[in-house]
Amino acid sequence: MAFTHALVGAALAAPVVAFAPELAVPAVLAGMVGGLVPDVDLFVGRHRRTLHFPILGWALALPAVALALFAPGVATVAAAVGTVSFAVHAGMDALGAGDEVRPWERTSREAVYDHLRGKWVEPRFWIRYDGAPEDAVATAILAAPVVVFYPDPFPAIATACVVLGVGYAVVRRRLPPVVEEFVG
């Protein structure tokens, strides 16, 4: 669920919020954006393949983190948090269901594509599907520290993510017929 990915990106910025608050806003924004960017492949290319890199994403993230540690600044810290969030996204997708309209039916064995090995990673179903009740709970848990400790405007954004995520979870299983009619 996009809201969960965004809040994981915000959570990855927690050390910056705690130890370099002057860099918090760009770090949290970069984390949230980095957590959402892989899903652009819903519209361009093949979802969970074109912009999802469960292994290779770390080849970008780890040097960015090293650079931020040795030369901390707005750009380097934001790049580090954003690229780590980007890399974590694909791993999170592998922990859920496959990329299918009705993921609770478990008809797909393709959670996310591993470009390094040239094969699909199978879904783990730790969270049964995007928008499952446990996904909404994860979103709420991730939002809690953002609401309590993060600077404005992030508490409001986190609250909105929870409200929208719970709403999505309520209607998720009713969406396939709507999607099928819309897409054809």
C-alpha atoms as a PDB file:
ATOM      1  CA  MET A   1       0.000   0.000   0.000  1.00  0.00           C
ATOM      2  CA  ALA A   2       1.392   3.369  -0.977  1.00  0.00           C
ATOM      3  CA  PHE A   3       0.666   4.838   2.451  1.00  0.00           C
ATOM      4  CA  THR A   4       2.726   2.129   4.142  1.00  0.00           C
ATOM      5  CA  HIS A   5       5.613   2.651   1.710  1.00  0.00           C
ATOM      6  CA  ALA A   6       5.550   6.413   2.326  1.00  0.00           C
ATOM      7  CA  LEU A   7       5.560   5.977   6.099  1.00  0.00           C
ATOM      8  CA  VAL A   8       8.410   3.453   5.974  1.00  0.00           C
ATOM      9  CA  GLY A   9      10.342   6.151   4.098  1.00  0.00           C
ATOM     10  CA  ALA A  10       9.495   8.604   6.877  1.00  0.00           C
ATOM     11  CA  ALA A  11      10.581   6.066   9.509  1.00  0.00           C
ATOM     12  CA  LEU A  12      13.931   5.634   7.759  1.00  0.00           C
ATOM     13  CA  ALA A  13      14.543   9.335   8.376  1.00  0.00           C
ATOM     14  CA  ALA A  14      14.177   8.909  12.171  1.00  0.00           C
ATOM     15  CA  PRO A  15      17.939   9.120  12.890  1.00  0.00           C
ATOM     16  CA  VAL A  16      18.063  12.404  10.976  1.00  0.00           C
ATOM     17  CA  VAL A  17      15.032  13.750  12.852  1.00  0.00           C
ATOM     18  CA  ALA A  18      16.693  12.816  16.154  1.00  0.00           C
ATOM     19  CA  PHE A  19      20.309  13.801  15.503  1.00  0.00           C
ATOM     20  CA  ALA A  20      20.225  16.428  12.741  1.00  0.00           C
ATOM     21  CA  PRO A  21      16.841  18.145  13.042  1.00  0.00           C
ATOM     22  CA  GLU A  22      17.950  20.923  10.696  1.00  0.00           C
ATOM     23  CA  LEU A  23      17.975  18.284   7.929  1.00  0.00           C
ATOM     24  CA  ALA A  24      14.737  16.576   8.998  1.00  0.00           C
ATOM     25  CA  VAL A  25      12.313  18.096   6.502  1.00  0.00           C
ATOM     26  CA  PRO A  26      14.296  17.268   3.346  1.00  0.00           C
ATOM     27  CA  ALA A  27      15.241  13.830   4.730  1.00  0.00           C
ATOM     28  CA  VAL A  28      11.651  12.875   5.556  1.00  0.00           C
ATOM     29  CA  LEU A  29      10.362  14.193   2.230  1.00  0.00           C
ATOM     30  CA  ALA A  30      13.047  12.247   0.375  1.00  0.00           C
ATOM     31  CA  GLY A  31      12.225   9.096   2.338  1.00  0.00           C
ATOM     32  CA  MET A  32       8.540   9.383   1.561  1.00  0.00           C
ATOM     33  CA  VAL A  33       9.136  10.113  -2.123  1.00  0.00           C
ATOM     34  CA  GLY A  34      11.740   7.335  -2.376  1.00  0.00           C
ATOM     35  CA  GLY A  35       9.196   4.932  -0.922  1.00  0.00           C
ATOM     36  CA  LEU A  36       6.639   5.885  -3.552  1.00  0.00           C
ATOM     37  CA  VAL A  37       8.813   6.163  -6.696  1.00  0.00           C
ATOM     38  CA  PRO A  38       9.016   2.411  -7.483  1.00  0.00           C
ATOM     39  CA  ASP A  39       5.259   2.299  -7.965  1.00  0.00           C
ATOM     40  CA  VAL A  40       5.513   4.707 -10.896  1.00  0.00           C
ATOM     41  CA  ASP A  41       5.947   1.478 -12.844  1.00  0.00           C
ATOM     42  CA  LEU A  42       2.216   0.930 -12.389  1.00  0.00           C
ATOM     43  CA  PHE A  43       1.932   3.438 -15.245  1.00  0.00           C
ATOM     44  CA  VAL A  44       5.220   2.958 -17.126  1.00  0.00           C
ATOM     45  CA  GLY A  45       6.618  -0.487 -17.862  1.00  0.00           C
ATOM     46  CA  ARG A  46       5.699  -3.582 -15.864  1.00  0.00           C
ATOM     47  CA  HIS A  47       4.683  -3.163 -12.249  1.00  0.00           C
ATOM     48  CA  ARG A  48       7.104  -4.612  -9.711  1.00  0.00           C
ATOM     49  CA  ARG A  49       9.709  -5.114 -12.412  1.00  0.00           C
ATOM     50  CA  THR A  50      10.572  -1.861 -14.176  1.00  0.00           C
ATOM     51  CA  LEU A  51      11.367   0.235 -11.067  1.00  0.00           C
ATOM     52  CA  HIS A  52      11.653  -2.404  -8.346  1.00  0.00           C
ATOM     53  CA  PHE A  53      15.180  -3.542  -7.472  1.00  0.00           C
ATOM     54  CA  PRO A  54      15.256  -5.767  -4.368  1.00  0.00           C
ATOM     55  CA  ILE A  55      19.014  -6.362  -4.648  1.00  0.00           C
ATOM     56  CA  LEU A  56      20.371  -3.788  -7.092  1.00  0.00           C
ATOM     57  CA  GLY A  57      18.601  -0.925  -5.300  1.00  0.00           C
ATOM     58  CA  TRP A  58      21.175  -1.304  -2.550  1.00  0.00           C
ATOM     59  CA  ALA A  59      23.987  -0.651  -5.044  1.00  0.00           C
ATOM     60  CA  LEU A  60      22.625   2.883  -5.231  1.00  0.00           C
ATOM     61  CA  ALA A  61      21.613   3.247  -1.584  1.00  0.00           C
ATOM     62  CA  LEU A  62      24.768   2.110   0.216  1.00  0.00           C
ATOM     63  CA  PRO A  63      27.151   4.564  -1.499  1.00  0.00           C
ATOM     64  CA  ALA A  64      24.597   7.336  -0.884  1.00  0.00           C
ATOM     65  CA  VAL A  65      24.531   6.481   2.830  1.00  0.00           C
ATOM     66  CA  ALA A  66      28.348   6.422   2.970  1.00  0.00           C
ATOM     67  CA  LEU A  67      28.526   9.809   1.282  1.00  0.00           C
ATOM     68  CA  ALA A  68      25.964  11.276   3.699  1.00  0.00           C
ATOM     69  CA  LEU A  69      27.924   9.970   6.683  1.00  0.00           C
ATOM     70  CA  PHE A  70      31.184  11.490   5.461  1.00  0.00           C
ATOM     71  CA  ALA A  71      29.741  14.700   4.004  1.00  0.00           C
ATOM     72  CA  PRO A  72      26.401  15.381   5.666  1.00  0.00           C
ATOM     73  CA  GLY A  73      24.324  18.065   4.057  1.00  0.00           C
ATOM     74  CA  VAL A  74      20.831  18.622   2.737  1.00  0.00           C
ATOM     75  CA  ALA A  75      21.485  16.942  -0.623  1.00  0.00           C
ATOM     76  CA  THR A  76      23.555  14.007   0.624  1.00  0.00           C
ATOM     77  CA  VAL A  77      21.277  13.154   3.551  1.00  0.00           C
ATOM     78  CA  ALA A  78      18.139  13.462   1.416  1.00  0.00           C
ATOM     79  CA  ALA A  79      19.741  11.274  -1.266  1.00  0.00           C
ATOM     80  CA  ALA A  80      20.707   8.681   1.338  1.00  0.00           C
ATOM     81  CA  VAL A  81      17.259   8.442   2.918  1.00  0.00           C
ATOM     82  CA  GLY A  82      15.509   8.552  -0.456  1.00  0.00           C
ATOM     83  CA  THR A  83      17.609   5.812  -2.022  1.00  0.00           C
ATOM     84  CA  VAL A  84      17.372   3.546   1.032  1.00  0.00           C
ATOM     85  CA  SER A  85      13.607   3.989   0.984  1.00  0.00           C
ATOM     86  CA  PHE A  86      13.604   3.199  -2.747  1.00  0.00           C
ATOM     87  CA  ALA A  87      15.598   0.004  -2.101  1.00  0.00           C
ATOM     88  CA  VAL A  88      13.446  -1.060   0.867  1.00  0.00           C
ATOM     89  CA  HIS A  89      10.248  -0.714  -1.183  1.00  0.00           C
ATOM     90  CA  ALA A  90      10.994  -3.760  -3.359  1.00  0.00           C
ATOM     91  CA  GLY A  91      11.868  -5.862  -0.338  1.00  0.00           C
ATOM     92  CA  MET A  92       8.591  -4.875   1.275  1.00  0.00           C
ATOM     93  CA  ASP A  93       6.695  -5.943  -1.837  1.00  0.00           C
ATOM     94  CA  ALA A  94       8.358  -9.356  -1.648  1.00  0.00           C
ATOM     95  CA  LEU A  95       6.982  -9.754   1.889  1.00  0.00           C
ATOM     96  CA  GLY A  96       3.430  -9.309   0.632  1.00  0.00           C
ATOM     97  CA  ALA A  97       1.368 -10.880  -2.114  1.00  0.00           C
ATOM     98  CA  GLY A  98       1.878 -11.104  -5.835  1.00  0.00           C
ATOM     99  CA  ASP A  99       0.947  -8.349  -8.242  1.00  0.00           C
ATOM    100  CA  GLU A 100      -2.584  -9.336  -9.161  1.00  0.00           C
ATOM    101  CA  VAL A 101      -6.037  -7.803  -9.027  1.00  0.00           C
ATOM    102  CA  ARG A 102      -7.233 -10.254  -6.350  1.00  0.00           C
ATOM    103  CA  PRO A 103      -4.061 -11.046  -4.377  1.00  0.00           C
ATOM    104  CA  TRP A 104      -5.989 -12.852  -1.638  1.00  0.00           C
ATOM    105  CA  GLU A 105      -6.577 -15.625  -4.183  1.00  0.00           C
ATOM    106  CA  ARG A 106      -2.799 -16.179  -4.361  1.00  0.00           C
ATOM    107  CA  THR A 107      -2.713 -16.965  -8.081  1.00  0.00           C
ATOM    108  CA  SER A 108       0.602 -15.200  -8.787  1.00  0.00           C
ATOM    109  CA  ARG A 109       4.049 -16.432  -7.768  1.00  0.00           C
ATOM    110  CA  GLU A 110       5.600 -13.119  -8.829  1.00  0.00           C
ATOM    111  CA  ALA A 111       6.060 -10.643  -5.969  1.00  0.00           C
ATOM    112  CA  VAL A 112       8.953  -8.583  -7.334  1.00  0.00           C
ATOM    113  CA  TYR A 113      11.541  -9.058 -10.058  1.00  0.00           C
ATOM    114  CA  ASP A 114      15.172  -9.606  -9.069  1.00  0.00           C
ATOM    115  CA  HIS A 115      17.183  -8.098 -11.928  1.00  0.00           C
ATOM    116  CA  LEU A 116      20.464  -9.451 -10.562  1.00  0.00           C
ATOM    117  CA  ARG A 117      19.330 -13.080 -10.707  1.00  0.00           C
ATOM    118  CA  GLY A 118      16.958 -12.572 -13.638  1.00  0.00           C
ATOM    119  CA  LYS A 119      13.941 -14.131 -11.945  1.00  0.00           C
ATOM    120  CA  TRP A 120      10.882 -13.296  -9.917  1.00  0.00           C
ATOM    121  CA  VAL A 121      10.965 -13.427  -6.112  1.00  0.00           C
ATOM    122  CA  GLU A 122       7.977 -15.338  -4.773  1.00  0.00           C
ATOM    123  CA  PRO A 123       5.539 -13.583  -2.424  1.00  0.00           C
ATOM    124  CA  ARG A 124       5.948 -14.265   1.295  1.00  0.00           C
ATOM    125  CA  PHE A 125       2.421 -13.159   2.384  1.00  0.00           C
ATOM    126  CA  TRP A 126       3.588 -11.649   5.690  1.00  0.00           C
ATOM    127  CA  ILE A 127       1.027  -9.012   4.827  1.00  0.00           C
ATOM    128  CA  ARG A 128      -1.531 -10.952   2.830  1.00  0.00           C
ATOM    129  CA  TYR A 129      -2.131  -8.223   0.235  1.00  0.00           C
ATOM    130  CA  ASP A 130      -2.036  -4.450  -0.178  1.00  0.00           C
ATOM    131  CA  GLY A 131      -4.921  -3.013   1.759  1.00  0.00           C
ATOM    132  CA  ALA A 132      -5.297  -6.046   4.032  1.00  0.00           C
ATOM    133  CA  PRO A 133      -6.259  -5.193   7.614  1.00  0.00           C
ATOM    134  CA  GLU A 134      -2.705  -5.903   8.775  1.00  0.00           C
ATOM    135  CA  ASP A 135      -1.449  -3.426   6.170  1.00  0.00           C
ATOM    136  CA  ALA A 136      -3.664  -0.727   7.691  1.00  0.00           C
ATOM    137  CA  VAL A 137      -2.350  -1.659  11.151  1.00  0.00           C
ATOM    138  CA  ALA A 138       1.250  -1.397   9.903  1.00  0.00           C
ATOM    139  CA  THR A 139       0.451   2.046   8.491  1.00  0.00           C
ATOM    140  CA  ALA A 140      -0.965   3.187  11.831  1.00  0.00           C
ATOM    141  CA  ILE A 141       2.034   1.847  13.762  1.00  0.00           C
ATOM    142  CA  LEU A 142       4.458   3.560  11.393  1.00  0.00           C
ATOM    143  CA  ALA A 143       2.515   6.816  11.663  1.00  0.00           C
ATOM    144  CA  ALA A 144       2.607   6.986  15.469  1.00  0.00           C
ATOM    145  CA  PRO A 145       6.203   8.197  15.923  1.00  0.00           C
ATOM    146  CA  VAL A 146       5.811  10.594  12.992  1.00  0.00           C
ATOM    147  CA  VAL A 147       2.748  12.150  14.632  1.00  0.00           C
ATOM    148  CA  VAL A 148       4.504  12.449  18.005  1.00  0.00           C
ATOM    149  CA  PHE A 149       8.101  13.370  17.147  1.00  0.00           C
ATOM    150  CA  TYR A 150       8.380  14.744  13.611  1.00  0.00           C
ATOM    151  CA  PRO A 151       8.215  18.421  12.653  1.00  0.00           C
ATOM    152  CA  ASP A 152       5.339  19.954  10.732  1.00  0.00           C
ATOM    153  CA  PRO A 153       3.866  19.148   8.227  1.00  0.00           C
ATOM    154  CA  PHE A 154       4.606  15.439   8.775  1.00  0.00           C
ATOM    155  CA  PRO A 155       2.185  14.706  11.641  1.00  0.00           C
ATOM    156  CA  ALA A 156      -0.699  15.840   9.431  1.00  0.00           C
ATOM    157  CA  ILE A 157       0.623  13.855   6.457  1.00  0.00           C
ATOM    158  CA  ALA A 158       0.996  10.730   8.603  1.00  0.00           C
ATOM    159  CA  THR A 159      -2.516  11.143   9.962  1.00  0.00           C
ATOM    160  CA  ALA A 160      -3.847  11.485   6.419  1.00  0.00           C
ATOM    161  CA  CYS A 161      -1.964   8.319   5.421  1.00  0.00           C
ATOM    162  CA  VAL A 162      -3.667   6.403   8.238  1.00  0.00           C
ATOM    163  CA  VAL A 163      -7.135   7.720   7.403  1.00  0.00           C
ATOM    164  CA  LEU A 164      -6.694   6.983   3.686  1.00  0.00           C
ATOM    165  CA  GLY A 165      -5.046   3.610   4.389  1.00  0.00           C
ATOM    166  CA  VAL A 166      -7.867   2.473   6.657  1.00  0.00           C
ATOM    167  CA  GLY A 167     -10.391   3.671   4.071  1.00  0.00           C
ATOM    168  CA  TYR A 168      -8.572   1.745   1.369  1.00  0.00           C
ATOM    169  CA  ALA A 169      -8.489  -1.374   3.560  1.00  0.00           C
ATOM    170  CA  VAL A 170     -12.255  -1.112   4.067  1.00  0.00           C
ATOM    171  CA  VAL A 171     -12.968  -1.075   0.308  1.00  0.00           C
ATOM    172  CA  ARG A 172      -9.986  -3.045  -1.038  1.00  0.00           C
ATOM    173  CA  ARG A 173     -11.755  -6.349  -1.646  1.00  0.00           C
ATOM    174  CA  ARG A 174     -14.586  -4.547  -3.448  1.00  0.00           C
ATOM    175  CA  LEU A 175     -12.265  -2.864  -5.958  1.00  0.00           C
ATOM    176  CA  PRO A 176     -11.478  -5.636  -8.493  1.00  0.00           C
ATOM    177  CA  PRO A 177     -14.760  -5.337 -10.422  1.00  0.00           C
ATOM    178  CA  VAL A 178     -14.308  -1.568 -10.590  1.00  0.00           C
ATOM    179  CA  VAL A 179     -10.700  -1.907 -11.786  1.00  0.00           C
ATOM    180  CA  GLU A 180     -11.636  -4.541 -14.347  1.00  0.00           C
ATOM    181  CA  GLU A 181     -14.438  -2.392 -15.742  1.00  0.00           C
ATOM    182  CA  PHE A 182     -12.232   0.706 -15.835  1.00  0.00           C
ATOM    183  CA  VAL A 183      -9.220  -1.019 -17.384  1.00  0.00           C
ATOM    184  CA  GLY A 184     -11.212  -3.353 -19.590  1.00  0.00           C
END
